Amino acid sequence: MTRIITRNMSYNQDDGAASTSSSDEQNKLYISIAQAQKLHASDATFLDGSWWMPNSPQTARQRFEEGPRIAGARFFDIDDIATLNQDTKFPHMMPSVALHQAAMTALGVPHRQHPIVLYGQPDCCFIYRAWYQLACVMGHEQIHILQGSLPEWTEARGPTDTEPTTEPLQAQELDLSSSTTSTYQAKPSPESVVNLDEMKQLVQEDSDDTILVEVRSEDRFLGQVDEPRPGLRLGHMPGAQNLPFVNVLQPDNILQLLPVEKLKPILTEAGLLSTTSSSTTTRIVTSCGSGATACVVAAALVQCGRDPSTVAIYDGSWMEWGGREDTPIVTKDGSIEVNRKRQKSSESGAKQ
């Protein structure tokens, strides 16, 4: 049976940012602006981890370079620091360990214990993809998400740079031929990322040991509307349940997750947290459109005490699964479409 968890919430990138909760529980992932300013005065590295959909007027990198930005910040480009296989047509696929290490070294991060403050541009909920790569996949140990927006940082008299600049890091220019070129050493957790072959196996097995969660909107999950990326099939993976990622974000400040006391009932209702304990061995695999917002729900689970080793994202997500002819899909009418090409040929023959 398909489970769909919804709330009355809409996602609008034009909504203004509001002040965030300052509860102690909420600070598991976050750092207050006042605390971040103290780190800024030390040797911490500040990274803008923003990303925007391809149909946006500007890329996040362009917005960062135009300014304003937190003084001395660097841009963590998830589309650039990504798998460089020319055969891979999907954006921001998780990079190799060598590429990640070289990028971190180039960004001035010397080791995993070096403090990083990750922040996003106003109304950007995609920074959790950068957080997931840094913290969960590559094992950085001192990473904090700024609990507030860039305008709030400025209002608190946090130092900013307003002049245009150029982010010098270009992944294609990094030398990956020798490990000696990187001072940074990652601690990778490959189980944090699921590829196509493993996802096919998980769907086929339909085991109680794994929960598949699609975080796209309900109408996309049900195949009732076209996908924003042309050419993708409509529907969802068999056995997956639906928890739209906007359900775990603050409706008036989508940079931030809901407070823990509001997150826990939502995740518990979805069957992703135990009613007695947040610790469980059941593995949760999240999927979205391209592997970015899947990290929002992954972050919500970690924020509520879930062991990160029991959470994974499907890297290719619907761009991969919905773009193939050989993947099973539950369509709008509830039937399972096993092979679209075969069905199309059959329909074509019948019409002739």
Protein backbone atom coordinates (compact mmCIF):
# COMPACT_ATOMS: atom_id res chain seq x y z
CA MET A 1 0.00 0.00 0.00
CA THR A 2 1.26 3.47 -0.91
CA ARG A 3 1.57 5.83 2.04
CA ILE A 4 1.35 9.57 1.48
CA ILE A 5 2.10 11.97 4.32
CA THR A 6 0.94 15.52 3.61
CA ARG A 7 0.38 18.79 5.42
CA ASN A 8 -1.10 22.07 4.32
CA MET A 9 2.12 23.67 3.13
CA SER A 10 3.23 25.17 -0.15
CA TYR A 11 6.76 25.79 -1.41
CA ASN A 12 7.32 29.30 -2.68
CA GLN A 13 10.85 30.50 -3.36
CA ASP A 14 9.60 34.10 -3.10
CA ASP A 15 8.62 33.79 0.56
CA GLY A 16 10.67 35.99 2.89
CA ALA A 17 12.96 34.48 5.51
CA ALA A 18 11.88 34.68 9.14
CA SER A 19 13.72 34.29 12.42
CA THR A 20 14.39 30.70 13.39
CA SER A 21 13.82 28.70 16.54
CA SER A 22 16.63 28.87 19.08
CA SER A 23 15.76 25.76 21.10
CA ASP A 24 18.67 23.64 22.28
CA GLU A 25 17.34 20.60 20.42
CA GLN A 26 17.25 22.52 17.16
CA ASN A 27 20.96 23.25 17.44
CA LYS A 28 22.07 19.68 16.71
CA LEU A 29 22.82 20.68 13.09
CA TYR A 30 22.72 24.44 13.44
CA ILE A 31 24.86 27.20 14.88
CA SER A 32 23.45 30.55 15.93
CA ILE A 33 24.57 33.72 14.19
CA ALA A 34 26.24 34.93 17.38
CA GLN A 35 28.22 31.69 17.71
CA ALA A 36 29.06 31.72 14.01
CA GLN A 37 30.44 35.24 14.32
CA LYS A 38 32.84 34.00 17.00
CA LEU A 39 33.99 31.22 14.67
CA HIS A 40 34.32 33.76 11.86
CA ALA A 41 36.83 35.65 14.00
CA SER A 42 38.90 32.47 14.25
CA ASP A 43 40.07 30.22 11.42
CA ALA A 44 36.71 28.63 10.50
CA THR A 45 35.84 28.22 6.84
CA PHE A 46 32.49 29.59 5.68
CA LEU A 47 30.96 27.87 2.66
CA ASP A 48 27.95 28.95 0.60
CA GLY A 49 26.33 25.64 -0.32
CA SER A 50 23.46 27.07 -2.35
CA TRP A 51 22.03 25.51 -5.50
CA TRP A 52 19.14 26.52 -7.70
CA MET A 53 17.00 24.67 -10.21
CA PRO A 54 18.26 24.88 -13.82
CA ASN A 55 15.35 27.13 -14.83
CA SER A 56 16.42 29.85 -12.38
CA PRO A 57 17.54 33.19 -13.87
CA GLN A 58 20.99 32.82 -12.28
CA THR A 59 23.07 29.98 -10.93
CA ALA A 60 23.92 29.96 -7.25
CA ARG A 61 27.56 30.44 -8.20
CA GLN A 62 26.71 33.61 -10.12
CA ARG A 63 24.73 34.98 -7.18
CA PHE A 64 27.60 34.21 -4.82
CA GLU A 65 30.11 35.94 -7.08
CA GLU A 66 27.93 39.04 -7.47
CA GLY A 67 27.55 39.37 -3.71
CA PRO A 68 26.84 40.14 -1.03
CA ARG A 69 28.39 37.16 0.75
CA ILE A 70 29.79 36.44 4.16
CA ALA A 71 33.28 37.93 4.29
CA GLY A 72 35.94 35.44 3.24
CA ALA A 73 33.40 32.75 2.30
CA ARG A 74 34.01 30.27 -0.49
CA PHE A 75 31.44 28.68 -2.79
CA PHE A 76 30.81 24.93 -2.49
CA ASP A 77 29.53 24.10 -5.97
CA ILE A 78 27.71 20.74 -5.87
CA ASP A 79 27.45 20.72 -9.66
CA ASP A 80 31.21 21.26 -10.04
CA ILE A 81 32.50 19.10 -7.18
CA ALA A 82 30.70 16.10 -8.66
CA THR A 83 31.35 12.92 -10.60
CA LEU A 84 33.36 13.91 -13.65
CA ASN A 85 32.42 10.91 -15.78
CA GLN A 86 31.53 12.28 -19.19
CA ASP A 87 29.00 9.46 -19.62
CA THR A 88 27.04 10.68 -16.59
CA LYS A 89 24.36 13.11 -17.67
CA PHE A 90 22.95 13.69 -14.22
CA PRO A 91 23.84 16.79 -12.18
CA HIS A 92 25.60 16.89 -8.79
CA MET A 93 26.30 13.17 -8.54
CA MET A 94 28.45 12.44 -5.50
CA PRO A 95 32.14 12.92 -6.31
CA SER A 96 34.95 10.46 -5.88
CA VAL A 97 36.86 10.61 -2.62
CA ALA A 98 39.91 11.94 -4.49
CA LEU A 99 37.94 14.79 -6.05
CA HIS A 100 36.29 15.71 -2.75
CA GLN A 101 39.63 15.74 -0.95
CA ALA A 102 41.26 17.88 -3.62
CA ALA A 103 38.33 20.32 -3.55
CA MET A 104 38.43 20.63 0.23
CA THR A 105 42.16 21.31 0.11
CA ALA A 106 41.61 23.97 -2.56
CA LEU A 107 38.86 25.55 -0.42
CA GLY A 108 41.31 25.91 2.45
CA VAL A 109 39.91 23.13 4.65
CA PRO A 110 42.97 21.24 5.96
CA HIS A 111 41.35 18.33 7.82
CA ARG A 112 38.04 16.82 9.01
CA GLN A 113 38.17 18.53 12.41
CA HIS A 114 38.50 22.01 10.88
CA PRO A 115 35.31 24.02 11.64
CA ILE A 116 33.02 24.71 8.69
CA VAL A 117 29.94 26.94 8.76
CA LEU A 118 27.61 26.19 5.86
CA TYR A 119 25.08 28.80 4.81
CA GLY A 120 22.68 29.44 1.98
CA GLN A 121 21.34 32.27 -0.11
CA PRO A 122 17.90 33.62 0.89
CA ASP A 123 15.09 31.05 0.50
CA CYS A 124 17.44 28.29 -0.66
CA CYS A 125 16.46 24.93 0.79
CA PHE A 126 19.03 23.01 -1.26
CA ILE A 127 22.00 23.56 1.06
CA TYR A 128 21.29 20.21 2.73
CA ARG A 129 22.77 18.48 -0.32
CA ALA A 130 26.13 20.15 0.44
CA TRP A 131 25.73 19.28 4.13
CA TYR A 132 25.00 15.65 3.32
CA GLN A 133 28.07 15.30 1.13
CA LEU A 134 30.34 16.95 3.66
CA ALA A 135 29.02 15.35 6.85
CA CYS A 136 27.42 12.02 5.96
CA VAL A 137 29.20 10.84 2.82
CA MET A 138 32.72 12.21 3.41
CA GLY A 139 32.76 12.30 7.22
CA HIS A 140 33.61 15.90 8.08
CA GLU A 141 33.38 16.16 11.85
CA GLN A 142 33.03 19.87 12.54
CA ILE A 143 30.28 21.24 10.32
CA HIS A 144 27.48 23.59 11.30
CA ILE A 145 24.57 25.03 9.33
CA LEU A 146 24.02 28.72 9.97
CA GLN A 147 20.76 29.20 11.85
CA GLY A 148 19.67 32.23 9.94
CA SER A 149 19.80 33.87 6.54
CA LEU A 150 22.42 36.10 4.97
CA PRO A 151 20.21 39.19 5.56
CA GLU A 152 19.97 38.21 9.23
CA TRP A 153 23.76 37.83 9.36
CA THR A 154 24.08 41.34 7.93
CA GLU A 155 21.50 42.74 10.36
CA ALA A 156 23.55 41.24 13.21
CA ARG A 157 26.56 43.17 11.85
CA GLY A 158 28.27 40.08 10.59
CA PRO A 159 31.08 41.02 8.18
CA THR A 160 30.19 40.77 4.50
CA ASP A 161 31.83 41.24 1.13
CA THR A 162 29.77 43.25 -1.34
CA GLU A 163 32.16 43.60 -4.27
CA PRO A 164 31.93 41.12 -7.15
CA THR A 165 34.43 38.30 -7.07
CA THR A 166 35.25 35.06 -8.83
CA GLU A 167 35.23 31.71 -7.06
CA PRO A 168 38.61 30.31 -8.17
CA LEU A 169 37.82 26.64 -7.60
CA GLN A 170 37.14 24.78 -10.84
CA ALA A 171 37.03 21.03 -10.30
CA GLN A 172 38.28 20.23 -13.80
CA GLU A 173 41.52 22.04 -13.00
CA LEU A 174 42.28 20.01 -9.87
CA ASP A 175 45.11 17.48 -9.99
CA LEU A 176 43.73 14.10 -8.89
CA SER A 177 46.71 12.07 -10.06
CA SER A 178 48.38 11.91 -6.64
CA SER A 179 47.03 11.80 -3.10
CA THR A 180 49.95 14.00 -2.01
CA THR A 181 48.23 16.98 -3.65
CA SER A 182 45.51 16.88 -0.98
CA THR A 183 46.13 17.59 2.68
CA TYR A 184 42.49 16.83 3.46
CA GLN A 185 41.66 13.19 4.18
CA ALA A 186 38.00 12.19 4.03
CA LYS A 187 36.40 9.38 6.01
CA PRO A 188 33.96 8.09 3.38
CA SER A 189 30.77 6.20 4.15
CA PRO A 190 29.82 4.59 0.83
CA GLU A 191 26.67 3.09 2.38
CA SER A 192 25.27 6.64 2.59
CA VAL A 193 24.71 6.69 -1.18
CA VAL A 194 22.64 4.22 -3.19
CA ASN A 195 23.23 3.71 -6.91
CA LEU A 196 20.88 2.42 -9.61
CA ASP A 197 21.77 -1.26 -9.28
CA GLU A 198 21.26 -1.25 -5.53
CA MET A 199 17.99 0.66 -5.85
CA LYS A 200 16.70 -1.89 -8.36
CA GLN A 201 17.56 -4.64 -5.90
CA LEU A 202 15.85 -2.84 -3.01
CA VAL A 203 12.68 -2.32 -5.06
CA GLN A 204 12.67 -5.96 -6.15
CA GLU A 205 13.24 -7.32 -2.65
CA ASP A 206 10.67 -5.03 -0.99
CA SER A 207 12.14 -5.92 2.40
CA ASP A 208 10.92 -4.72 5.79
CA ASP A 209 14.56 -3.94 6.56
CA THR A 210 14.49 -0.92 4.23
CA ILE A 211 12.04 1.96 3.83
CA LEU A 212 12.02 3.81 0.51
CA VAL A 213 10.86 7.41 0.79
CA GLU A 214 10.17 9.68 -2.18
CA VAL A 215 10.24 13.35 -1.17
CA ARG A 216 8.84 14.84 -4.37
CA SER A 217 5.45 16.56 -4.15
CA GLU A 218 2.38 14.35 -3.89
CA ASP A 219 1.11 15.17 -7.38
CA ARG A 220 4.48 14.27 -8.90
CA PHE A 221 4.67 11.11 -6.81
CA LEU A 222 1.24 10.04 -8.05
CA GLY A 223 2.07 10.94 -11.66
CA GLN A 224 -0.68 13.53 -11.86
CA VAL A 225 1.51 16.33 -13.26
CA ASP A 226 4.44 16.50 -15.62
CA GLU A 227 7.93 16.43 -14.18
CA PRO A 228 9.81 19.77 -14.29
CA ARG A 229 12.52 18.03 -16.30
CA PRO A 230 11.23 17.05 -19.76
CA GLY A 231 11.23 13.44 -20.93
CA LEU A 232 10.84 11.72 -17.56
CA ARG A 233 8.20 9.12 -16.90
CA LEU A 234 5.43 9.88 -14.41
CA GLY A 235 4.76 8.05 -11.15
CA HIS A 236 6.93 6.53 -8.44
CA MET A 237 8.99 3.49 -7.52
CA PRO A 238 7.05 0.41 -6.36
CA GLY A 239 7.04 0.09 -2.58
CA ALA A 240 8.00 3.71 -1.95
CA GLN A 241 6.06 6.01 0.32
CA ASN A 242 5.70 9.74 -0.09
CA LEU A 243 6.83 12.41 2.37
CA PRO A 244 7.22 15.74 0.52
CA PHE A 245 10.38 17.49 1.65
CA VAL A 246 8.52 20.75 2.27
CA ASN A 247 6.72 19.01 5.14
CA VAL A 248 9.88 19.13 7.25
CA LEU A 249 10.82 22.74 6.48
CA GLN A 250 9.63 25.89 8.18
CA PRO A 251 6.90 27.27 5.89
CA ASP A 252 8.04 30.88 6.33
CA ASN A 253 11.78 30.12 6.22
CA ILE A 254 12.64 27.19 3.98
CA LEU A 255 16.33 27.52 4.79
CA GLN A 256 15.58 25.83 8.12
CA LEU A 257 14.08 22.57 9.28
CA LEU A 258 11.09 22.63 11.59
CA PRO A 259 11.89 22.51 15.31
CA VAL A 260 12.53 18.98 16.55
CA GLU A 261 9.31 18.93 18.57
CA LYS A 262 7.39 19.40 15.30
CA LEU A 263 9.62 17.17 13.18
CA LYS A 264 9.30 14.10 15.36
CA PRO A 265 5.49 13.66 15.00
CA ILE A 266 5.76 14.05 11.21
CA LEU A 267 8.56 11.50 10.89
CA THR A 268 6.89 9.14 13.34
CA GLU A 269 3.60 9.29 11.42
CA ALA A 270 5.56 8.45 8.28
CA GLY A 271 7.01 5.39 10.02
CA LEU A 272 10.55 6.78 9.90
CA LEU A 273 11.01 7.16 13.66
CA SER A 274 10.14 4.66 16.36
CA THR A 275 7.50 5.73 18.87
CA THR A 276 9.78 4.48 21.65
CA SER A 277 13.23 5.32 20.36
CA SER A 278 14.78 7.11 17.40
CA SER A 279 17.45 4.38 17.23
CA THR A 280 16.60 1.59 14.81
CA THR A 281 18.42 -0.68 12.42
CA THR A 282 15.85 -0.22 9.65
CA ARG A 283 17.53 1.53 6.75
CA ILE A 284 15.85 4.55 5.18
CA VAL A 285 16.63 5.50 1.57
CA THR A 286 15.35 8.86 0.36
CA SER A 287 14.88 9.88 -3.26
CA CYS A 288 13.78 13.10 -4.97
CA GLY A 289 14.10 14.67 -8.41
CA SER A 290 17.89 14.83 -8.71
CA GLY A 291 19.34 13.89 -5.31
CA ALA A 292 19.23 17.37 -3.70
CA THR A 293 16.02 17.59 -1.66
CA ALA A 294 16.33 13.94 -0.64
CA CYS A 295 19.02 15.32 1.66
CA VAL A 296 16.47 17.59 3.37
CA VAL A 297 14.58 14.62 4.80
CA ALA A 298 17.87 12.87 5.56
CA ALA A 299 18.91 15.93 7.59
CA ALA A 300 15.57 15.95 9.40
CA LEU A 301 16.09 12.32 10.42
CA VAL A 302 19.59 13.03 11.74
CA GLN A 303 18.32 16.13 13.51
CA CYS A 304 15.80 13.93 15.36
CA GLY A 305 18.47 11.51 16.50
CA ARG A 306 18.56 8.97 13.68
CA ASP A 307 21.97 7.32 13.29
CA PRO A 308 23.34 8.67 9.98
CA SER A 309 24.60 5.17 9.15
CA THR A 310 20.96 4.03 8.82
CA VAL A 311 20.09 6.78 6.32
CA ALA A 312 21.00 6.91 2.63
CA ILE A 313 20.03 8.86 -0.47
CA TYR A 314 19.47 7.53 -3.97
CA ASP A 315 21.97 9.66 -5.87
CA GLY A 316 20.41 9.49 -9.34
CA SER A 317 16.87 9.84 -7.95
CA TRP A 318 13.99 10.39 -10.39
CA MET A 319 16.21 11.86 -13.11
CA GLU A 320 17.77 8.42 -13.39
CA TRP A 321 14.89 6.11 -12.43
CA GLY A 322 12.23 8.03 -14.35
CA GLY A 323 14.51 8.55 -17.34
CA ARG A 324 15.05 4.87 -18.03
CA GLU A 325 12.93 2.43 -20.04
CA ASP A 326 13.67 -0.64 -17.90
CA THR A 327 12.73 0.53 -14.39
CA PRO A 328 9.35 -0.43 -12.86
CA ILE A 329 7.09 2.53 -12.13
CA VAL A 330 3.71 2.82 -10.42
CA THR A 331 1.68 5.00 -12.79
CA LYS A 332 -1.22 7.37 -12.20
CA ASP A 333 -3.81 4.60 -12.36
CA GLY A 334 -1.92 2.49 -9.81
CA SER A 335 -0.64 -0.10 -12.29
CA ILE A 336 3.04 -1.01 -12.54
CA GLU A 337 4.68 -0.16 -15.85
CA VAL A 338 7.62 -2.55 -16.20
CA ASN A 339 9.02 -1.65 -19.60
CA ARG A 340 7.83 1.49 -21.33
CA LYS A 341 9.56 0.76 -24.61
CA ARG A 342 7.84 -2.62 -24.95
CA GLN A 343 4.46 -1.07 -24.14
CA LYS A 344 5.00 1.69 -26.66
CA SER A 345 5.90 -0.80 -29.38
CA SER A 346 2.83 -2.86 -28.56
CA GLU A 347 0.59 0.20 -28.69
CA SER A 348 2.21 1.28 -31.96
CA GLY A 349 1.59 -2.15 -33.48
CA ALA A 350 -2.04 -2.15 -32.37
CA LYS A 351 -2.62 1.23 -33.98
CA GLN A 352 -1.12 0.07 -37.26
